[in-house]
Amino acid sequence: MEMPLAGGADLRARLGSALFSRVAGPSGPANRARIHNTPGPRWFGPERPIRTVHGDASMFIGGLSALLLQSLHPLAMAAVAAHSGFRGDPWGRLQRTSTFLAVTTFGTAQDAQEAVDRVRAVHDRVRGATAAGEPYRAADPHLLGWVHAAEVDSFLRAHQRFGAHPLDAAGCDAYVVDTARVATALGVVEPPRDREALTSLLTAYRPELRATSEALDAARFILRDPPLPWAARAPYSLLAANAVSLLPPWAPGILGLSPATGPRATGVRLSGHALTRTIRWAMAPPPPTPR
């Protein structure tokens, strides 16, 4: 659905620029040009579902939901809390993540591999122990498997609910196959290659999941105290409510969260559709200038 101009092209340009600068950072325009305009083979052709999912505004909700779900593994959360700087530089972390997703999804095969190599080099240096003394390594394939599964499940759930063009069953499986290529490059061993296997893998991890103090602190930061101006907090709170509603049914309770139910749940979902349509409208490329 096309949004009305509501004040003209200037409003659209300002809103789109503000959103893009938040998620892509000061190097965003240069990175976008390099990612999309550099000639060469890609890991994924234009017809692949990973491009449909990762290029859609539903990722704004899916990304928040993925962070919440990933936090439930105590080793993954300990590594994030100790090494990622998500509290001190949350926008920087978001921008690095969004750039990685863009490069591996849309960039040349060479740029995608170089991005993966940089992430693997960082993972090799990240190790430590939880407050309970449990050792962790960010490069541990088992831990990488959890992070991958939680991310892919969240992105796909968001797209199927809020995407402009939800995938059919075969498309969902093909998306999981696409993401497995990136996961394998990052060091995940035998990532899932269809949605059924993805669901089974998440279930297999459940005995390891719990809400540590770091996870609860991260949830409060993400949901209630984001580093945003007050004018942006109301729409963000609706994005956050939709992120919680997307979690697997067993997950919110572990974090002490209560997704909306009944008529309120309907209102939350409608707000998610409205916000993703607005983001899609604002960030769409401008129409070509008539000659």
C-alpha atoms as a PDB file:
ATOM      1  CA  MET A   1       0.000   0.000   0.000  1.00  0.00           C
ATOM      2  CA  GLU A   2       1.382   3.410  -0.966  1.00  0.00           C
ATOM      3  CA  MET A   3       1.371   6.001   1.799  1.00  0.00           C
ATOM      4  CA  PRO A   4      -0.055   9.435   0.990  1.00  0.00           C
ATOM      5  CA  LEU A   5       2.582  12.101   0.611  1.00  0.00           C
ATOM      6  CA  ALA A   6       1.362  13.775   3.821  1.00  0.00           C
ATOM      7  CA  GLY A   7       3.306  16.969   3.336  1.00  0.00           C
ATOM      8  CA  GLY A   8       5.141  16.149   0.135  1.00  0.00           C
ATOM      9  CA  ALA A   9       8.325  14.627  -1.089  1.00  0.00           C
ATOM     10  CA  ASP A  10      10.385  16.668   1.392  1.00  0.00           C
ATOM     11  CA  LEU A  11       8.786  14.871   4.343  1.00  0.00           C
ATOM     12  CA  ARG A  12       9.411  11.521   2.693  1.00  0.00           C
ATOM     13  CA  ALA A  13      13.041  12.414   2.010  1.00  0.00           C
ATOM     14  CA  ARG A  14      13.645  13.694   5.553  1.00  0.00           C
ATOM     15  CA  LEU A  15      12.085  10.664   7.207  1.00  0.00           C
ATOM     16  CA  GLY A  16      13.838   8.247   4.890  1.00  0.00           C
ATOM     17  CA  SER A  17      17.184   9.963   5.455  1.00  0.00           C
ATOM     18  CA  ALA A  18      16.738   9.930   9.238  1.00  0.00           C
ATOM     19  CA  LEU A  19      15.880   6.217   9.281  1.00  0.00           C
ATOM     20  CA  PHE A  20      18.699   5.314   6.928  1.00  0.00           C
ATOM     21  CA  SER A  21      21.272   7.276   8.924  1.00  0.00           C
ATOM     22  CA  ARG A  22      20.210   5.465  12.114  1.00  0.00           C
ATOM     23  CA  VAL A  23      20.558   1.974  10.665  1.00  0.00           C
ATOM     24  CA  ALA A  24      23.454   2.553   8.244  1.00  0.00           C
ATOM     25  CA  GLY A  25      25.539   5.270   9.925  1.00  0.00           C
ATOM     26  CA  PRO A  26      27.595   8.073   8.385  1.00  0.00           C
ATOM     27  CA  SER A  27      29.185   5.693   5.865  1.00  0.00           C
ATOM     28  CA  GLY A  28      25.769   4.418   4.790  1.00  0.00           C
ATOM     29  CA  PRO A  29      25.501   6.200   1.412  1.00  0.00           C
ATOM     30  CA  ALA A  30      29.006   5.156   0.360  1.00  0.00           C
ATOM     31  CA  ASN A  31      28.450   1.581   1.559  1.00  0.00           C
ATOM     32  CA  ARG A  32      25.112   1.382  -0.253  1.00  0.00           C
ATOM     33  CA  ALA A  33      26.673   2.555  -3.500  1.00  0.00           C
ATOM     34  CA  ARG A  34      29.505   0.048  -3.205  1.00  0.00           C
ATOM     35  CA  ILE A  35      27.223  -2.843  -2.240  1.00  0.00           C
ATOM     36  CA  HIS A  36      24.716  -2.355  -5.031  1.00  0.00           C
ATOM     37  CA  ASN A  37      26.821  -0.851  -7.823  1.00  0.00           C
ATOM     38  CA  THR A  38      30.067  -2.835  -7.736  1.00  0.00           C
ATOM     39  CA  PRO A  39      30.033  -5.293 -10.638  1.00  0.00           C
ATOM     40  CA  GLY A  40      30.747  -8.959 -10.048  1.00  0.00           C
ATOM     41  CA  PRO A  41      29.104 -12.254  -9.068  1.00  0.00           C
ATOM     42  CA  ARG A  42      26.933 -12.361  -5.961  1.00  0.00           C
ATOM     43  CA  TRP A  43      26.188 -15.111  -3.484  1.00  0.00           C
ATOM     44  CA  PHE A  44      22.485 -14.541  -4.159  1.00  0.00           C
ATOM     45  CA  GLY A  45      20.741 -13.578  -7.378  1.00  0.00           C
ATOM     46  CA  PRO A  46      17.908 -11.037  -7.504  1.00  0.00           C
ATOM     47  CA  GLU A  47      15.296 -13.816  -7.467  1.00  0.00           C
ATOM     48  CA  ARG A  48      16.433 -15.308  -4.141  1.00  0.00           C
ATOM     49  CA  PRO A  49      14.127 -14.992  -1.115  1.00  0.00           C
ATOM     50  CA  ILE A  50      16.927 -13.746   1.140  1.00  0.00           C
ATOM     51  CA  ARG A  51      16.851 -10.524  -0.880  1.00  0.00           C
ATOM     52  CA  THR A  52      13.090 -10.245  -0.437  1.00  0.00           C
ATOM     53  CA  VAL A  53      13.267 -10.711   3.332  1.00  0.00           C
ATOM     54  CA  HIS A  54      16.378  -8.666   4.128  1.00  0.00           C
ATOM     55  CA  GLY A  55      15.317  -5.806   1.865  1.00  0.00           C
ATOM     56  CA  ASP A  56      11.939  -5.308   3.526  1.00  0.00           C
ATOM     57  CA  ALA A  57      10.883  -2.880   6.275  1.00  0.00           C
ATOM     58  CA  SER A  58       9.733  -5.832   8.399  1.00  0.00           C
ATOM     59  CA  MET A  59      13.403  -6.211   9.372  1.00  0.00           C
ATOM     60  CA  PHE A  60      12.967  -3.289  11.798  1.00  0.00           C
ATOM     61  CA  ILE A  61      10.662  -5.490  13.881  1.00  0.00           C
ATOM     62  CA  GLY A  62      12.439  -8.753  13.141  1.00  0.00           C
ATOM     63  CA  GLY A  63      15.773  -7.340  14.270  1.00  0.00           C
ATOM     64  CA  LEU A  64      14.425  -6.309  17.677  1.00  0.00           C
ATOM     65  CA  SER A  65      12.758  -9.677  18.123  1.00  0.00           C
ATOM     66  CA  ALA A  66      16.013 -11.452  17.216  1.00  0.00           C
ATOM     67  CA  LEU A  67      17.947  -9.526  19.871  1.00  0.00           C
ATOM     68  CA  LEU A  68      15.446 -10.532  22.543  1.00  0.00           C
ATOM     69  CA  LEU A  69      15.443 -14.184  21.504  1.00  0.00           C
ATOM     70  CA  GLN A  70      19.230 -14.409  21.193  1.00  0.00           C
ATOM     71  CA  SER A  71      19.653 -12.988  24.703  1.00  0.00           C
ATOM     72  CA  LEU A  72      18.094 -16.125  26.204  1.00  0.00           C
ATOM     73  CA  HIS A  73      21.250 -18.174  25.734  1.00  0.00           C
ATOM     74  CA  PRO A  74      23.440 -17.315  28.751  1.00  0.00           C
ATOM     75  CA  LEU A  75      26.735 -17.841  26.904  1.00  0.00           C
ATOM     76  CA  ALA A  76      25.699 -15.731  23.912  1.00  0.00           C
ATOM     77  CA  MET A  77      24.394 -12.993  26.184  1.00  0.00           C
ATOM     78  CA  ALA A  78      27.542 -13.001  28.312  1.00  0.00           C
ATOM     79  CA  ALA A  79      29.655 -12.531  25.189  1.00  0.00           C
ATOM     80  CA  VAL A  80      27.456  -9.669  23.983  1.00  0.00           C
ATOM     81  CA  ALA A  81      27.423  -7.972  27.385  1.00  0.00           C
ATOM     82  CA  ALA A  82      31.193  -8.195  27.814  1.00  0.00           C
ATOM     83  CA  HIS A  83      32.443  -7.544  24.311  1.00  0.00           C
ATOM     84  CA  SER A  84      29.894  -5.941  21.959  1.00  0.00           C
ATOM     85  CA  GLY A  85      29.508  -2.498  23.523  1.00  0.00           C
ATOM     86  CA  PHE A  86      25.781  -2.583  22.809  1.00  0.00           C
ATOM     87  CA  ARG A  87      24.990  -0.242  25.711  1.00  0.00           C
ATOM     88  CA  GLY A  88      27.783   2.237  25.096  1.00  0.00           C
ATOM     89  CA  ASP A  89      27.373   2.295  21.318  1.00  0.00           C
ATOM     90  CA  PRO A  90      24.041   0.664  20.390  1.00  0.00           C
ATOM     91  CA  TRP A  91      23.719   2.532  17.098  1.00  0.00           C
ATOM     92  CA  GLY A  92      27.236   1.563  16.081  1.00  0.00           C
ATOM     93  CA  ARG A  93      26.451  -2.089  16.733  1.00  0.00           C
ATOM     94  CA  LEU A  94      23.200  -1.810  14.754  1.00  0.00           C
ATOM     95  CA  GLN A  95      25.014  -0.143  11.878  1.00  0.00           C
ATOM     96  CA  ARG A  96      27.713  -2.812  11.766  1.00  0.00           C
ATOM     97  CA  THR A  97      25.096  -5.555  11.799  1.00  0.00           C
ATOM     98  CA  SER A  98      22.940  -3.961   9.111  1.00  0.00           C
ATOM     99  CA  THR A  99      25.983  -3.389   6.912  1.00  0.00           C
ATOM    100  CA  PHE A 100      27.022  -7.040   7.306  1.00  0.00           C
ATOM    101  CA  LEU A 101      23.532  -8.203   6.329  1.00  0.00           C
ATOM    102  CA  ALA A 102      23.470  -5.873   3.334  1.00  0.00           C
ATOM    103  CA  VAL A 103      26.917  -6.908   2.087  1.00  0.00           C
ATOM    104  CA  THR A 104      26.316 -10.649   2.390  1.00  0.00           C
ATOM    105  CA  THR A 105      22.814 -10.390   0.882  1.00  0.00           C
ATOM    106  CA  PHE A 106      23.340  -7.895  -1.937  1.00  0.00           C
ATOM    107  CA  GLY A 107      27.091  -7.339  -2.313  1.00  0.00           C
ATOM    108  CA  THR A 108      29.638  -9.055  -4.504  1.00  0.00           C
ATOM    109  CA  ALA A 109      30.862 -12.502  -3.531  1.00  0.00           C
ATOM    110  CA  GLN A 110      34.291 -11.042  -2.802  1.00  0.00           C
ATOM    111  CA  ASP A 111      32.906  -8.329  -0.504  1.00  0.00           C
ATOM    112  CA  ALA A 112      30.632 -10.862   1.209  1.00  0.00           C
ATOM    113  CA  GLN A 113      33.542 -13.193   1.925  1.00  0.00           C
ATOM    114  CA  GLU A 114      35.684 -10.327   3.215  1.00  0.00           C
ATOM    115  CA  ALA A 115      32.855  -9.270   5.551  1.00  0.00           C
ATOM    116  CA  VAL A 116      32.577 -12.827   6.865  1.00  0.00           C
ATOM    117  CA  ASP A 117      36.344 -13.038   7.351  1.00  0.00           C
ATOM    118  CA  ARG A 118      36.301  -9.848   9.445  1.00  0.00           C
ATOM    119  CA  VAL A 119      33.506 -11.176  11.651  1.00  0.00           C
ATOM    120  CA  ARG A 120      35.290 -14.496  12.117  1.00  0.00           C
ATOM    121  CA  ALA A 121      38.471 -12.680  13.128  1.00  0.00           C
ATOM    122  CA  VAL A 122      36.504 -10.792  15.802  1.00  0.00           C
ATOM    123  CA  HIS A 123      34.825 -13.998  17.001  1.00  0.00           C
ATOM    124  CA  ASP A 124      38.225 -15.678  17.375  1.00  0.00           C
ATOM    125  CA  ARG A 125      39.233 -13.029  19.910  1.00  0.00           C
ATOM    126  CA  VAL A 126      36.003 -13.074  21.948  1.00  0.00           C
ATOM    127  CA  ARG A 127      36.136 -15.487  24.859  1.00  0.00           C
ATOM    128  CA  GLY A 128      35.562 -15.372  28.583  1.00  0.00           C
ATOM    129  CA  ALA A 129      33.314 -16.746  31.299  1.00  0.00           C
ATOM    130  CA  THR A 130      29.844 -16.009  32.596  1.00  0.00           C
ATOM    131  CA  ALA A 131      29.228 -14.752  36.137  1.00  0.00           C
ATOM    132  CA  ALA A 132      28.605 -18.410  37.041  1.00  0.00           C
ATOM    133  CA  GLY A 133      32.017 -19.399  35.677  1.00  0.00           C
ATOM    134  CA  GLU A 134      30.822 -21.045  32.457  1.00  0.00           C
ATOM    135  CA  PRO A 135      33.411 -20.520  29.692  1.00  0.00           C
ATOM    136  CA  TYR A 136      32.346 -19.234  26.288  1.00  0.00           C
ATOM    137  CA  ARG A 137      33.930 -18.651  22.896  1.00  0.00           C
ATOM    138  CA  ALA A 138      32.140 -16.571  20.274  1.00  0.00           C
ATOM    139  CA  ALA A 139      33.605 -18.870  17.592  1.00  0.00           C
ATOM    140  CA  ASP A 140      32.046 -21.979  19.203  1.00  0.00           C
ATOM    141  CA  PRO A 141      29.972 -23.570  16.388  1.00  0.00           C
ATOM    142  CA  HIS A 142      27.245 -24.570  18.857  1.00  0.00           C
ATOM    143  CA  LEU A 143      26.877 -20.975  20.076  1.00  0.00           C
ATOM    144  CA  LEU A 144      26.993 -19.646  16.518  1.00  0.00           C
ATOM    145  CA  GLY A 145      24.228 -22.111  15.665  1.00  0.00           C
ATOM    146  CA  TRP A 146      21.953 -20.612  18.314  1.00  0.00           C
ATOM    147  CA  VAL A 147      22.602 -17.041  17.198  1.00  0.00           C
ATOM    148  CA  HIS A 148      21.920 -18.010  13.584  1.00  0.00           C
ATOM    149  CA  ALA A 149      18.735 -19.961  14.319  1.00  0.00           C
ATOM    150  CA  ALA A 150      17.280 -17.214  16.516  1.00  0.00           C
ATOM    151  CA  GLU A 151      18.061 -14.561  13.913  1.00  0.00           C
ATOM    152  CA  VAL A 152      16.674 -16.448  10.927  1.00  0.00           C
ATOM    153  CA  ASP A 153      13.507 -17.464  12.773  1.00  0.00           C
ATOM    154  CA  SER A 154      12.895 -13.862  13.886  1.00  0.00           C
ATOM    155  CA  PHE A 155      13.510 -12.329  10.463  1.00  0.00           C
ATOM    156  CA  LEU A 156      11.238 -14.859   8.788  1.00  0.00           C
ATOM    157  CA  ARG A 157       8.457 -14.495  11.360  1.00  0.00           C
ATOM    158  CA  ALA A 158       8.545 -10.719  10.896  1.00  0.00           C
ATOM    159  CA  HIS A 159       8.471 -10.971   7.130  1.00  0.00           C
ATOM    160  CA  GLN A 160       5.586 -13.409   7.084  1.00  0.00           C
ATOM    161  CA  ARG A 161       3.542 -11.103   9.303  1.00  0.00           C
ATOM    162  CA  PHE A 162       4.568  -7.642   8.075  1.00  0.00           C
ATOM    163  CA  GLY A 163       6.414  -8.086   4.784  1.00  0.00           C
ATOM    164  CA  ALA A 164       5.145  -6.488   1.600  1.00  0.00           C
ATOM    165  CA  HIS A 165       5.285  -9.861  -0.167  1.00  0.00           C
ATOM    166  CA  PRO A 166       5.138 -12.792   2.291  1.00  0.00           C
ATOM    167  CA  LEU A 167       6.713 -15.994   1.028  1.00  0.00           C
ATOM    168  CA  ASP A 168       4.872 -19.204   0.274  1.00  0.00           C
ATOM    169  CA  ALA A 169       5.947 -22.435   1.985  1.00  0.00           C
ATOM    170  CA  ALA A 170       8.584 -23.206  -0.640  1.00  0.00           C
ATOM    171  CA  GLY A 171       9.873 -19.645  -0.412  1.00  0.00           C
ATOM    172  CA  CYS A 172      10.254 -19.931   3.371  1.00  0.00           C
ATOM    173  CA  ASP A 173      12.313 -23.080   2.975  1.00  0.00           C
ATOM    174  CA  ALA A 174      14.389 -21.409   0.252  1.00  0.00           C
ATOM    175  CA  TYR A 175      15.063 -18.465   2.578  1.00  0.00           C
ATOM    176  CA  VAL A 176      16.388 -20.843   5.237  1.00  0.00           C
ATOM    177  CA  VAL A 177      18.616 -22.446   2.562  1.00  0.00           C
ATOM    178  CA  ASP A 178      19.952 -19.017   1.551  1.00  0.00           C
ATOM    179  CA  THR A 179      20.805 -18.064   5.115  1.00  0.00           C
ATOM    180  CA  ALA A 180      22.539 -21.408   5.615  1.00  0.00           C
ATOM    181  CA  ARG A 181      25.153 -20.341   3.080  1.00  0.00           C
ATOM    182  CA  VAL A 182      26.097 -17.325   5.191  1.00  0.00           C
ATOM    183  CA  ALA A 183      25.933 -19.360   8.407  1.00  0.00           C
ATOM    184  CA  THR A 184      28.288 -22.005   7.029  1.00  0.00           C
ATOM    185  CA  ALA A 185      30.757 -19.311   5.982  1.00  0.00           C
ATOM    186  CA  LEU A 186      30.646 -17.946   9.555  1.00  0.00           C
ATOM    187  CA  GLY A 187      31.413 -21.335  11.074  1.00  0.00           C
ATOM    188  CA  VAL A 188      27.997 -22.840  11.840  1.00  0.00           C
ATOM    189  CA  VAL A 189      28.052 -26.622  11.403  1.00  0.00           C
ATOM    190  CA  GLU A 190      25.103 -28.093   9.478  1.00  0.00           C
ATOM    191  CA  PRO A 191      22.717 -25.129   9.737  1.00  0.00           C
ATOM    192  CA  PRO A 192      19.033 -25.883   9.076  1.00  0.00           C
ATOM    193  CA  ARG A 193      17.937 -25.918   5.444  1.00  0.00           C
ATOM    194  CA  ASP A 194      14.165 -25.770   5.770  1.00  0.00           C
ATOM    195  CA  ARG A 195      11.686 -24.256   8.192  1.00  0.00           C
ATOM    196  CA  GLU A 196      10.899 -27.563   9.889  1.00  0.00           C
ATOM    197  CA  ALA A 197      14.570 -28.121  10.676  1.00  0.00           C
ATOM    198  CA  LEU A 198      14.835 -24.547  11.928  1.00  0.00           C
ATOM    199  CA  THR A 199      11.950 -25.077  14.352  1.00  0.00           C
ATOM    200  CA  SER A 200      13.442 -28.370  15.525  1.00  0.00           C
ATOM    201  CA  LEU A 201      16.803 -26.728  16.160  1.00  0.00           C
ATOM    202  CA  LEU A 202      15.266 -23.955  18.262  1.00  0.00           C
ATOM    203  CA  THR A 203      13.446 -26.606  20.292  1.00  0.00           C
ATOM    204  CA  ALA A 204      16.696 -28.511  20.819  1.00  0.00           C
ATOM    205  CA  TYR A 205      18.314 -25.417  22.336  1.00  0.00           C
ATOM    206  CA  ARG A 206      15.490 -24.761  24.811  1.00  0.00           C
ATOM    207  CA  PRO A 207      16.999 -26.667  27.780  1.00  0.00           C
ATOM    208  CA  GLU A 208      20.023 -24.328  27.588  1.00  0.00           C
ATOM    209  CA  LEU A 209      17.999 -21.106  27.670  1.00  0.00           C
ATOM    210  CA  ARG A 210      17.341 -18.911  30.684  1.00  0.00           C
ATOM    211  CA  ALA A 211      17.036 -15.238  31.552  1.00  0.00           C
ATOM    212  CA  THR A 212      20.282 -14.152  33.162  1.00  0.00           C
ATOM    213  CA  SER A 213      20.656 -10.740  34.751  1.00  0.00           C
ATOM    214  CA  GLU A 214      22.422  -9.603  31.547  1.00  0.00           C
ATOM    215  CA  ALA A 215      19.478 -10.793  29.439  1.00  0.00           C
ATOM    216  CA  LEU A 216      16.944  -8.991  31.630  1.00  0.00           C
ATOM    217  CA  ASP A 217      19.067  -5.848  31.545  1.00  0.00           C
ATOM    218  CA  ALA A 218      19.278  -6.053  27.745  1.00  0.00           C
ATOM    219  CA  ALA A 219      15.505  -6.494  27.456  1.00  0.00           C
ATOM    220  CA  ARG A 220      14.907  -3.411  29.613  1.00  0.00           C
ATOM    221  CA  PHE A 221      17.363  -1.431  27.502  1.00  0.00           C
ATOM    222  CA  ILE A 222      15.806  -2.571  24.207  1.00  0.00           C
ATOM    223  CA  LEU A 223      12.172  -2.250  25.229  1.00  0.00           C
ATOM    224  CA  ARG A 224      11.980   0.526  27.823  1.00  0.00           C
ATOM    225  CA  ASP A 225      15.073   2.683  27.677  1.00  0.00           C
ATOM    226  CA  PRO A 226      16.231   2.959  24.059  1.00  0.00           C
ATOM    227  CA  PRO A 227      18.667   5.777  23.210  1.00  0.00           C
ATOM    228  CA  LEU A 228      16.097   7.756  21.240  1.00  0.00           C
ATOM    229  CA  PRO A 229      14.682  11.287  21.347  1.00  0.00           C
ATOM    230  CA  TRP A 230      11.301  11.510  23.017  1.00  0.00           C
ATOM    231  CA  ALA A 231       9.532  12.212  19.724  1.00  0.00           C
ATOM    232  CA  ALA A 232      10.640   8.821  18.397  1.00  0.00           C
ATOM    233  CA  ARG A 233       9.797   6.791  21.488  1.00  0.00           C
ATOM    234  CA  ALA A 234       6.068   6.350  20.820  1.00  0.00           C
ATOM    235  CA  PRO A 235       6.489   4.719  17.384  1.00  0.00           C
ATOM    236  CA  TYR A 236       9.476   2.765  18.688  1.00  0.00           C
ATOM    237  CA  SER A 237       7.394   1.402  21.565  1.00  0.00           C
ATOM    238  CA  LEU A 238       4.931   0.030  19.008  1.00  0.00           C
ATOM    239  CA  LEU A 239       7.765  -1.597  17.069  1.00  0.00           C
ATOM    240  CA  ALA A 240       8.985  -3.108  20.344  1.00  0.00           C
ATOM    241  CA  ALA A 241       5.516  -4.424  21.253  1.00  0.00           C
ATOM    242  CA  ASN A 242       5.336  -6.132  17.885  1.00  0.00           C
ATOM    243  CA  ALA A 243       8.831  -7.577  18.381  1.00  0.00           C
ATOM    244  CA  VAL A 244       7.662  -9.177  21.634  1.00  0.00           C
ATOM    245  CA  SER A 245       4.511 -10.505  19.958  1.00  0.00           C
ATOM    246  CA  LEU A 246       6.650 -12.235  17.311  1.00  0.00           C
ATOM    247  CA  LEU A 247       8.673 -14.292  19.796  1.00  0.00           C
ATOM    248  CA  PRO A 248       7.987 -18.035  19.934  1.00  0.00           C
ATOM    249  CA  PRO A 249       5.164 -18.621  22.445  1.00  0.00           C
ATOM    250  CA  TRP A 250       7.526 -20.077  25.049  1.00  0.00           C
ATOM    251  CA  ALA A 251      10.039 -17.206  24.969  1.00  0.00           C
ATOM    252  CA  PRO A 252       8.365 -14.066  26.435  1.00  0.00           C
ATOM    253  CA  GLY A 253       7.665 -15.661  29.802  1.00  0.00           C
ATOM    254  CA  ILE A 254      11.340 -16.473  30.307  1.00  0.00           C
ATOM    255  CA  LEU A 255      12.090 -12.749  30.067  1.00  0.00           C
ATOM    256  CA  GLY A 256       9.109 -11.804  32.231  1.00  0.00           C
ATOM    257  CA  LEU A 257       7.285 -10.277  29.275  1.00  0.00           C
ATOM    258  CA  SER A 258       3.572 -10.484  28.564  1.00  0.00           C
ATOM    259  CA  PRO A 259       2.595 -10.109  24.901  1.00  0.00           C
ATOM    260  CA  ALA A 260      -0.684  -8.328  24.244  1.00  0.00           C
ATOM    261  CA  THR A 261      -3.777 -10.517  24.016  1.00  0.00           C
ATOM    262  CA  GLY A 262      -7.313 -10.101  22.706  1.00  0.00           C
ATOM    263  CA  PRO A 263      -8.310  -6.746  21.208  1.00  0.00           C
ATOM    264  CA  ARG A 264      -5.044  -5.178  22.360  1.00  0.00           C
ATOM    265  CA  ALA A 265      -3.089  -7.776  20.368  1.00  0.00           C
ATOM    266  CA  THR A 266      -5.081  -6.825  17.291  1.00  0.00           C
ATOM    267  CA  GLY A 267      -4.236  -3.181  17.871  1.00  0.00           C
ATOM    268  CA  VAL A 268      -0.544  -3.978  18.279  1.00  0.00           C
ATOM    269  CA  ARG A 269      -0.503  -5.955  15.050  1.00  0.00           C
ATOM    270  CA  LEU A 270      -2.313  -3.192  13.144  1.00  0.00           C
ATOM    271  CA  SER A 271       0.245  -0.692  14.443  1.00  0.00           C
ATOM    272  CA  GLY A 272       3.023  -2.968  13.184  1.00  0.00           C
ATOM    273  CA  HIS A 273       1.502  -3.022   9.716  1.00  0.00           C
ATOM    274  CA  ALA A 274       1.090   0.765   9.739  1.00  0.00           C
ATOM    275  CA  LEU A 275       4.661   1.389  10.887  1.00  0.00           C
ATOM    276  CA  THR A 276       6.247  -0.992   8.403  1.00  0.00           C
ATOM    277  CA  ARG A 277       4.202   0.550   5.573  1.00  0.00           C
ATOM    278  CA  THR A 278       5.393   3.990   6.666  1.00  0.00           C
ATOM    279  CA  ILE A 279       9.028   2.884   6.818  1.00  0.00           C
ATOM    280  CA  ARG A 280       8.703   1.205   3.416  1.00  0.00           C
ATOM    281  CA  TRP A 281       7.220   4.396   1.948  1.00  0.00           C
ATOM    282  CA  ALA A 282       9.877   6.624   3.474  1.00  0.00           C
ATOM    283  CA  MET A 283      12.839   4.497   2.453  1.00  0.00           C
ATOM    284  CA  ALA A 284      11.697   3.578  -1.052  1.00  0.00           C
ATOM    285  CA  PRO A 285      13.933   4.913  -3.810  1.00  0.00           C
ATOM    286  CA  PRO A 286      12.512   8.102  -5.360  1.00  0.00           C
ATOM    287  CA  PRO A 287      10.854   7.708  -8.767  1.00  0.00           C
ATOM    288  CA  PRO A 288      13.058   8.535 -11.753  1.00  0.00           C
ATOM    289  CA  THR A 289      13.093  12.174 -12.736  1.00  0.00           C
ATOM    290  CA  PRO A 290      11.221  12.674 -16.028  1.00  0.00           C
ATOM    291  CA  ARG A 291      13.476  13.730 -18.874  1.00  0.00           C
END
